[in-house]
Amino acid sequence: MMPGPTIISECYKCHGLFKQWTLSSGNTFTAQFWPDGFMKAPMMPEMPPLFHCPSCEEFIWRRDCKEIDEVHGYDEMQKKYPKVQSYKDPTIDTFMLALEEKGLTKGREGYIRTKLMHFFNDENRDSEIPISQPSDMQIENYKRLLIIANKNDANDTMLRAEIYREMGEYDKSLELLEKVKDEDFATNVLVLKELCKNKDSRVMEILRRED
């Protein structure tokens, strides 16, 4: 993993400045993967599209912020922006609030609901016996995602297949998995098919890349 320059941006809600790290290169060595699309990759951390401004605490979208400067190295940062803080990572409450935003696009709603799916799954992730059953809110989120992820491409099809699997509708999941022919998803398809055949709706780690 190689860090890139630090971006100084302006919050469009309060006009305060904040900094964002970047990567010049990264990789998925030692990364862990789960069937719901959640990934832990120490060498390729996510720069979230949605986070909190450190000045006003409001949630903001990275794309809507104006880039002010590009800073290279610690010394330059201390010289030019010594008091500028980093953005604050989103929480489940961030995504719940963002769902209420007026004029929310379909793409952004899909991102929010996918992240909520990950947060909801975290309670039972890698548990041999589920701690809790899906809540009404979780089921509502599943159903809305099934509507939003309506493209016939591999990404949307895999997401719908995983949702049906987690809901225990294994035949519907298998039917969708048969449609995914993209080689990049071959391993995931095989794993999900096996889980469906075993009527296993758990969200367990499915792959770890050690090299």
C-alpha atoms as a PDB file:
ATOM      1  CA  MET A   1       0.000   0.000   0.000  1.00  0.00           C
ATOM      2  CA  MET A   2       1.360   3.393  -1.038  1.00  0.00           C
ATOM      3  CA  PRO A   3      -0.244   6.577   0.305  1.00  0.00           C
ATOM      4  CA  GLY A   4      -1.067   9.336  -2.124  1.00  0.00           C
ATOM      5  CA  PRO A   5      -1.436  13.075  -1.554  1.00  0.00           C
ATOM      6  CA  THR A   6      -3.822  14.460   1.051  1.00  0.00           C
ATOM      7  CA  ILE A   7      -6.786  16.321  -0.381  1.00  0.00           C
ATOM      8  CA  ILE A   8      -8.069  19.460   1.345  1.00  0.00           C
ATOM      9  CA  SER A   9     -11.774  19.909   0.689  1.00  0.00           C
ATOM     10  CA  GLU A  10     -14.528  22.320   1.667  1.00  0.00           C
ATOM     11  CA  CYS A  11     -17.752  21.163   3.318  1.00  0.00           C
ATOM     12  CA  TYR A  12     -20.722  22.351   1.259  1.00  0.00           C
ATOM     13  CA  LYS A  13     -22.863  22.685   4.380  1.00  0.00           C
ATOM     14  CA  CYS A  14     -20.662  24.798   6.666  1.00  0.00           C
ATOM     15  CA  HIS A  15     -17.745  25.684   4.321  1.00  0.00           C
ATOM     16  CA  GLY A  16     -15.252  24.357   6.854  1.00  0.00           C
ATOM     17  CA  LEU A  17     -12.145  22.600   5.574  1.00  0.00           C
ATOM     18  CA  PHE A  18     -11.268  18.949   6.139  1.00  0.00           C
ATOM     19  CA  LYS A  19      -8.628  16.566   4.846  1.00  0.00           C
ATOM     20  CA  GLN A  20      -8.936  13.247   3.023  1.00  0.00           C
ATOM     21  CA  TRP A  21      -6.204  10.660   2.601  1.00  0.00           C
ATOM     22  CA  THR A  22      -5.689   8.967  -0.772  1.00  0.00           C
ATOM     23  CA  LEU A  23      -3.872   5.883  -2.063  1.00  0.00           C
ATOM     24  CA  SER A  24      -1.482   5.848  -4.987  1.00  0.00           C
ATOM     25  CA  SER A  25      -1.657   2.042  -4.978  1.00  0.00           C
ATOM     26  CA  GLY A  26      -3.204  -0.739  -2.943  1.00  0.00           C
ATOM     27  CA  ASN A  27      -3.904  -4.471  -3.025  1.00  0.00           C
ATOM     28  CA  THR A  28      -6.150  -7.132  -1.513  1.00  0.00           C
ATOM     29  CA  PHE A  29      -3.386  -9.221   0.090  1.00  0.00           C
ATOM     30  CA  THR A  30      -4.696 -10.723   3.375  1.00  0.00           C
ATOM     31  CA  ALA A  31      -8.160  -9.380   2.563  1.00  0.00           C
ATOM     32  CA  GLN A  32     -11.254 -11.115   3.952  1.00  0.00           C
ATOM     33  CA  PHE A  33     -14.510 -11.454   2.019  1.00  0.00           C
ATOM     34  CA  TRP A  34     -18.102 -12.235   3.004  1.00  0.00           C
ATOM     35  CA  PRO A  35     -21.037 -13.222   0.775  1.00  0.00           C
ATOM     36  CA  ASP A  36     -22.888  -9.928   1.356  1.00  0.00           C
ATOM     37  CA  GLY A  37     -20.047  -8.055  -0.352  1.00  0.00           C
ATOM     38  CA  PHE A  38     -18.417  -6.861   2.855  1.00  0.00           C
ATOM     39  CA  MET A  39     -14.626  -6.825   2.679  1.00  0.00           C
ATOM     40  CA  LYS A  40     -11.794  -6.145   5.117  1.00  0.00           C
ATOM     41  CA  ALA A  41      -8.665  -5.216   3.193  1.00  0.00           C
ATOM     42  CA  PRO A  42      -5.867  -3.702   5.332  1.00  0.00           C
ATOM     43  CA  MET A  43      -3.876  -2.815   2.213  1.00  0.00           C
ATOM     44  CA  MET A  44      -6.837  -1.221   0.419  1.00  0.00           C
ATOM     45  CA  PRO A  45      -9.039   0.598   2.947  1.00  0.00           C
ATOM     46  CA  GLU A  46     -12.209   2.260   1.719  1.00  0.00           C
ATOM     47  CA  MET A  47     -12.443   6.009   1.312  1.00  0.00           C
ATOM     48  CA  PRO A  48     -16.147   6.349   2.055  1.00  0.00           C
ATOM     49  CA  PRO A  49     -18.310   8.409  -0.326  1.00  0.00           C
ATOM     50  CA  LEU A  50     -20.401   9.511   2.661  1.00  0.00           C
ATOM     51  CA  PHE A  51     -18.978  10.733   5.970  1.00  0.00           C
ATOM     52  CA  HIS A  52     -19.182  13.498   8.584  1.00  0.00           C
ATOM     53  CA  CYS A  53     -17.619  16.948   8.404  1.00  0.00           C
ATOM     54  CA  PRO A  54     -15.332  17.460  11.437  1.00  0.00           C
ATOM     55  CA  SER A  55     -16.449  21.098  11.722  1.00  0.00           C
ATOM     56  CA  CYS A  56     -20.250  20.954  11.631  1.00  0.00           C
ATOM     57  CA  GLU A  57     -20.699  17.199  12.314  1.00  0.00           C
ATOM     58  CA  GLU A  58     -23.218  16.983   9.431  1.00  0.00           C
ATOM     59  CA  PHE A  59     -23.089  14.088   6.979  1.00  0.00           C
ATOM     60  CA  ILE A  60     -21.782  15.068   3.552  1.00  0.00           C
ATOM     61  CA  TRP A  61     -21.103  13.411   0.205  1.00  0.00           C
ATOM     62  CA  ARG A  62     -17.485  13.464  -0.922  1.00  0.00           C
ATOM     63  CA  ARG A  63     -18.408  14.161  -4.556  1.00  0.00           C
ATOM     64  CA  ASP A  64     -20.341  17.292  -3.603  1.00  0.00           C
ATOM     65  CA  CYS A  65     -17.387  18.864  -1.775  1.00  0.00           C
ATOM     66  CA  LYS A  66     -15.055  21.296  -3.512  1.00  0.00           C
ATOM     67  CA  GLU A  67     -11.391  20.296  -3.578  1.00  0.00           C
ATOM     68  CA  ILE A  68      -9.270  23.209  -2.372  1.00  0.00           C
ATOM     69  CA  ASP A  69      -5.732  21.865  -2.391  1.00  0.00           C
ATOM     70  CA  GLU A  70      -3.516  18.818  -2.740  1.00  0.00           C
ATOM     71  CA  VAL A  71      -0.851  18.409  -0.076  1.00  0.00           C
ATOM     72  CA  HIS A  72       2.217  16.172  -0.246  1.00  0.00           C
ATOM     73  CA  GLY A  73       3.809  15.072   3.005  1.00  0.00           C
ATOM     74  CA  TYR A  74       3.512  15.819   6.699  1.00  0.00           C
ATOM     75  CA  ASP A  75       5.701  18.938   6.672  1.00  0.00           C
ATOM     76  CA  GLU A  76       3.643  20.664   3.997  1.00  0.00           C
ATOM     77  CA  MET A  77       0.440  19.775   5.847  1.00  0.00           C
ATOM     78  CA  GLN A  78       1.733  21.230   9.105  1.00  0.00           C
ATOM     79  CA  LYS A  79       2.885  24.374   7.333  1.00  0.00           C
ATOM     80  CA  LYS A  80      -0.276  25.069   5.347  1.00  0.00           C
ATOM     81  CA  TYR A  81      -3.149  23.402   7.250  1.00  0.00           C
ATOM     82  CA  PRO A  82      -2.007  22.586  10.802  1.00  0.00           C
ATOM     83  CA  LYS A  83      -5.502  22.757  12.299  1.00  0.00           C
ATOM     84  CA  VAL A  84      -7.486  21.006   9.547  1.00  0.00           C
ATOM     85  CA  GLN A  85      -8.941  17.696  10.722  1.00  0.00           C
ATOM     86  CA  SER A  86      -9.826  14.515   8.840  1.00  0.00           C
ATOM     87  CA  TYR A  87     -13.399  13.634   7.985  1.00  0.00           C
ATOM     88  CA  LYS A  88     -15.210  11.409  10.485  1.00  0.00           C
ATOM     89  CA  ASP A  89     -16.140   7.881   9.433  1.00  0.00           C
ATOM     90  CA  PRO A  90     -19.841   7.084   8.985  1.00  0.00           C
ATOM     91  CA  THR A  91     -21.825   4.926  11.405  1.00  0.00           C
ATOM     92  CA  ILE A  92     -25.134   3.120  11.019  1.00  0.00           C
ATOM     93  CA  ASP A  93     -26.828   6.307  12.255  1.00  0.00           C
ATOM     94  CA  THR A  94     -25.172   8.226   9.414  1.00  0.00           C
ATOM     95  CA  PHE A  95     -26.803   5.982   6.839  1.00  0.00           C
ATOM     96  CA  MET A  96     -30.181   6.069   8.576  1.00  0.00           C
ATOM     97  CA  LEU A  97     -30.092   9.883   8.497  1.00  0.00           C
ATOM     98  CA  ALA A  98     -28.909   9.953   4.882  1.00  0.00           C
ATOM     99  CA  LEU A  99     -31.960   7.929   3.808  1.00  0.00           C
ATOM    100  CA  GLU A 100     -34.103  10.913   4.781  1.00  0.00           C
ATOM    101  CA  GLU A 101     -32.207  13.310   2.522  1.00  0.00           C
ATOM    102  CA  LYS A 102     -34.416  15.065  -0.033  1.00  0.00           C
ATOM    103  CA  GLY A 103     -33.669  14.385  -3.679  1.00  0.00           C
ATOM    104  CA  LEU A 104     -31.715  11.218  -2.922  1.00  0.00           C
ATOM    105  CA  THR A 105     -30.680   9.575  -6.188  1.00  0.00           C
ATOM    106  CA  LYS A 106     -31.222   5.887  -6.869  1.00  0.00           C
ATOM    107  CA  GLY A 107     -27.471   5.299  -6.941  1.00  0.00           C
ATOM    108  CA  ARG A 108     -26.927   6.906  -3.576  1.00  0.00           C
ATOM    109  CA  GLU A 109     -29.881   5.136  -2.022  1.00  0.00           C
ATOM    110  CA  GLY A 110     -28.480   1.834  -3.288  1.00  0.00           C
ATOM    111  CA  TYR A 111     -25.098   2.590  -1.702  1.00  0.00           C
ATOM    112  CA  ILE A 112     -26.715   3.574   1.620  1.00  0.00           C
ATOM    113  CA  ARG A 113     -28.922   0.498   1.755  1.00  0.00           C
ATOM    114  CA  THR A 114     -26.048  -1.831   0.871  1.00  0.00           C
ATOM    115  CA  LYS A 115     -24.005  -0.358   3.725  1.00  0.00           C
ATOM    116  CA  LEU A 116     -27.021  -0.734   6.038  1.00  0.00           C
ATOM    117  CA  MET A 117     -27.241  -4.378   4.983  1.00  0.00           C
ATOM    118  CA  HIS A 118     -23.615  -4.809   6.111  1.00  0.00           C
ATOM    119  CA  PHE A 119     -24.277  -3.079   9.436  1.00  0.00           C
ATOM    120  CA  PHE A 120     -27.390  -5.190  10.077  1.00  0.00           C
ATOM    121  CA  ASN A 121     -25.422  -8.349   9.231  1.00  0.00           C
ATOM    122  CA  ASP A 122     -22.604  -7.403  11.592  1.00  0.00           C
ATOM    123  CA  GLU A 123     -24.665  -8.552  14.572  1.00  0.00           C
ATOM    124  CA  ASN A 124     -24.636 -12.121  13.279  1.00  0.00           C
ATOM    125  CA  ARG A 125     -21.546 -12.053  11.049  1.00  0.00           C
ATOM    126  CA  ASP A 126     -19.486 -15.244  11.451  1.00  0.00           C
ATOM    127  CA  SER A 127     -21.794 -16.545  14.210  1.00  0.00           C
ATOM    128  CA  GLU A 128     -22.379 -20.296  14.126  1.00  0.00           C
ATOM    129  CA  ILE A 129     -25.818 -19.654  15.615  1.00  0.00           C
ATOM    130  CA  PRO A 130     -27.527 -16.334  14.756  1.00  0.00           C
ATOM    131  CA  ILE A 131     -27.822 -13.985  17.711  1.00  0.00           C
ATOM    132  CA  SER A 132     -31.009 -12.446  16.379  1.00  0.00           C
ATOM    133  CA  GLN A 133     -33.564 -12.817  13.609  1.00  0.00           C
ATOM    134  CA  PRO A 134     -33.914 -10.146  10.880  1.00  0.00           C
ATOM    135  CA  SER A 135     -35.792  -7.115  12.181  1.00  0.00           C
ATOM    136  CA  ASP A 136     -38.679  -5.466  10.332  1.00  0.00           C
ATOM    137  CA  MET A 137     -36.265  -2.675   9.375  1.00  0.00           C
ATOM    138  CA  GLN A 138     -33.801  -5.196   7.971  1.00  0.00           C
ATOM    139  CA  ILE A 139     -36.510  -6.927   5.917  1.00  0.00           C
ATOM    140  CA  GLU A 140     -37.714  -3.551   4.624  1.00  0.00           C
ATOM    141  CA  ASN A 141     -34.147  -2.720   3.607  1.00  0.00           C
ATOM    142  CA  TYR A 142     -33.819  -6.073   1.791  1.00  0.00           C
ATOM    143  CA  LYS A 143     -37.039  -5.492  -0.144  1.00  0.00           C
ATOM    144  CA  ARG A 144     -36.078  -1.992  -1.197  1.00  0.00           C
ATOM    145  CA  LEU A 145     -32.637  -3.176  -2.334  1.00  0.00           C
ATOM    146  CA  LEU A 146     -34.260  -5.858  -4.478  1.00  0.00           C
ATOM    147  CA  ILE A 147     -36.122  -3.075  -6.292  1.00  0.00           C
ATOM    148  CA  ILE A 148     -33.111  -0.773  -6.636  1.00  0.00           C
ATOM    149  CA  ALA A 149     -30.641  -3.463  -7.785  1.00  0.00           C
ATOM    150  CA  ASN A 150     -32.657  -4.200 -10.911  1.00  0.00           C
ATOM    151  CA  LYS A 151     -29.932  -4.233 -13.550  1.00  0.00           C
ATOM    152  CA  ASN A 152     -29.056  -7.508 -15.220  1.00  0.00           C
ATOM    153  CA  ASP A 153     -25.325  -6.986 -14.741  1.00  0.00           C
ATOM    154  CA  ALA A 154     -23.279  -9.263 -12.498  1.00  0.00           C
ATOM    155  CA  ASN A 155     -23.074  -6.852  -9.561  1.00  0.00           C
ATOM    156  CA  ASP A 156     -26.814  -6.309  -9.189  1.00  0.00           C
ATOM    157  CA  THR A 157     -27.618  -9.950  -9.894  1.00  0.00           C
ATOM    158  CA  MET A 158     -25.172 -11.138  -7.219  1.00  0.00           C
ATOM    159  CA  LEU A 159     -26.616  -8.674  -4.717  1.00  0.00           C
ATOM    160  CA  ARG A 160     -30.170  -9.852  -5.346  1.00  0.00           C
ATOM    161  CA  ALA A 161     -29.066 -13.491  -5.107  1.00  0.00           C
ATOM    162  CA  GLU A 162     -27.393 -12.834  -1.742  1.00  0.00           C
ATOM    163  CA  ILE A 163     -30.456 -11.011  -0.402  1.00  0.00           C
ATOM    164  CA  TYR A 164     -32.719 -13.932  -1.322  1.00  0.00           C
ATOM    165  CA  ARG A 165     -30.230 -16.343   0.283  1.00  0.00           C
ATOM    166  CA  GLU A 166     -30.177 -14.361   3.522  1.00  0.00           C
ATOM    167  CA  MET A 167     -33.987 -14.278   3.477  1.00  0.00           C
ATOM    168  CA  GLY A 168     -34.068 -18.074   3.101  1.00  0.00           C
ATOM    169  CA  GLU A 169     -35.467 -18.003  -0.446  1.00  0.00           C
ATOM    170  CA  TYR A 170     -32.850 -20.364  -1.815  1.00  0.00           C
ATOM    171  CA  ASP A 171     -34.558 -21.315  -5.084  1.00  0.00           C
ATOM    172  CA  LYS A 172     -34.804 -17.660  -6.128  1.00  0.00           C
ATOM    173  CA  SER A 173     -31.152 -17.176  -5.221  1.00  0.00           C
ATOM    174  CA  LEU A 174     -30.052 -20.211  -7.252  1.00  0.00           C
ATOM    175  CA  GLU A 175     -32.097 -19.055 -10.234  1.00  0.00           C
ATOM    176  CA  LEU A 176     -30.254 -15.720 -10.235  1.00  0.00           C
ATOM    177  CA  LEU A 177     -26.843 -17.306  -9.701  1.00  0.00           C
ATOM    178  CA  GLU A 178     -27.315 -19.367 -12.875  1.00  0.00           C
ATOM    179  CA  LYS A 179     -27.438 -16.089 -14.824  1.00  0.00           C
ATOM    180  CA  VAL A 180     -24.024 -14.854 -13.648  1.00  0.00           C
ATOM    181  CA  LYS A 181     -21.422 -15.797 -16.255  1.00  0.00           C
ATOM    182  CA  ASP A 182     -18.750 -13.202 -15.413  1.00  0.00           C
ATOM    183  CA  GLU A 183     -15.511 -15.036 -14.532  1.00  0.00           C
ATOM    184  CA  ASP A 184     -14.669 -12.419 -11.904  1.00  0.00           C
ATOM    185  CA  PHE A 185     -17.593 -13.727  -9.837  1.00  0.00           C
ATOM    186  CA  ALA A 186     -16.988 -17.440 -10.440  1.00  0.00           C
ATOM    187  CA  THR A 187     -15.718 -18.215  -6.917  1.00  0.00           C
ATOM    188  CA  ASN A 188     -18.534 -16.299  -5.223  1.00  0.00           C
ATOM    189  CA  VAL A 189     -21.135 -17.996  -7.408  1.00  0.00           C
ATOM    190  CA  LEU A 190     -19.839 -21.445  -6.470  1.00  0.00           C
ATOM    191  CA  VAL A 191     -19.815 -20.595  -2.768  1.00  0.00           C
ATOM    192  CA  LEU A 192     -23.313 -19.116  -2.793  1.00  0.00           C
ATOM    193  CA  LYS A 193     -24.691 -22.066  -4.745  1.00  0.00           C
ATOM    194  CA  GLU A 194     -23.287 -24.466  -2.160  1.00  0.00           C
ATOM    195  CA  LEU A 195     -24.743 -22.406   0.691  1.00  0.00           C
ATOM    196  CA  CYS A 196     -28.139 -22.362  -1.014  1.00  0.00           C
ATOM    197  CA  LYS A 197     -28.092 -26.128  -1.591  1.00  0.00           C
ATOM    198  CA  ASN A 198     -27.347 -26.554   2.122  1.00  0.00           C
ATOM    199  CA  LYS A 199     -30.105 -24.055   2.969  1.00  0.00           C
ATOM    200  CA  ASP A 200     -27.546 -21.999   4.869  1.00  0.00           C
ATOM    201  CA  SER A 201     -28.450 -18.314   5.284  1.00  0.00           C
ATOM    202  CA  ARG A 202     -25.533 -17.421   7.582  1.00  0.00           C
ATOM    203  CA  VAL A 203     -23.115 -14.605   6.666  1.00  0.00           C
ATOM    204  CA  MET A 204     -19.800 -16.378   7.192  1.00  0.00           C
ATOM    205  CA  GLU A 205     -16.371 -15.505   5.793  1.00  0.00           C
ATOM    206  CA  ILE A 206     -16.028 -17.150   2.385  1.00  0.00           C
ATOM    207  CA  LEU A 207     -12.524 -16.206   1.243  1.00  0.00           C
ATOM    208  CA  ARG A 208      -9.226 -14.943   2.623  1.00  0.00           C
ATOM    209  CA  ARG A 209      -6.399 -13.963   0.291  1.00  0.00           C
ATOM    210  CA  GLU A 210      -3.036 -14.758   1.803  1.00  0.00           C
ATOM    211  CA  ASP A 211      -0.871 -13.971  -1.213  1.00  0.00           C
END
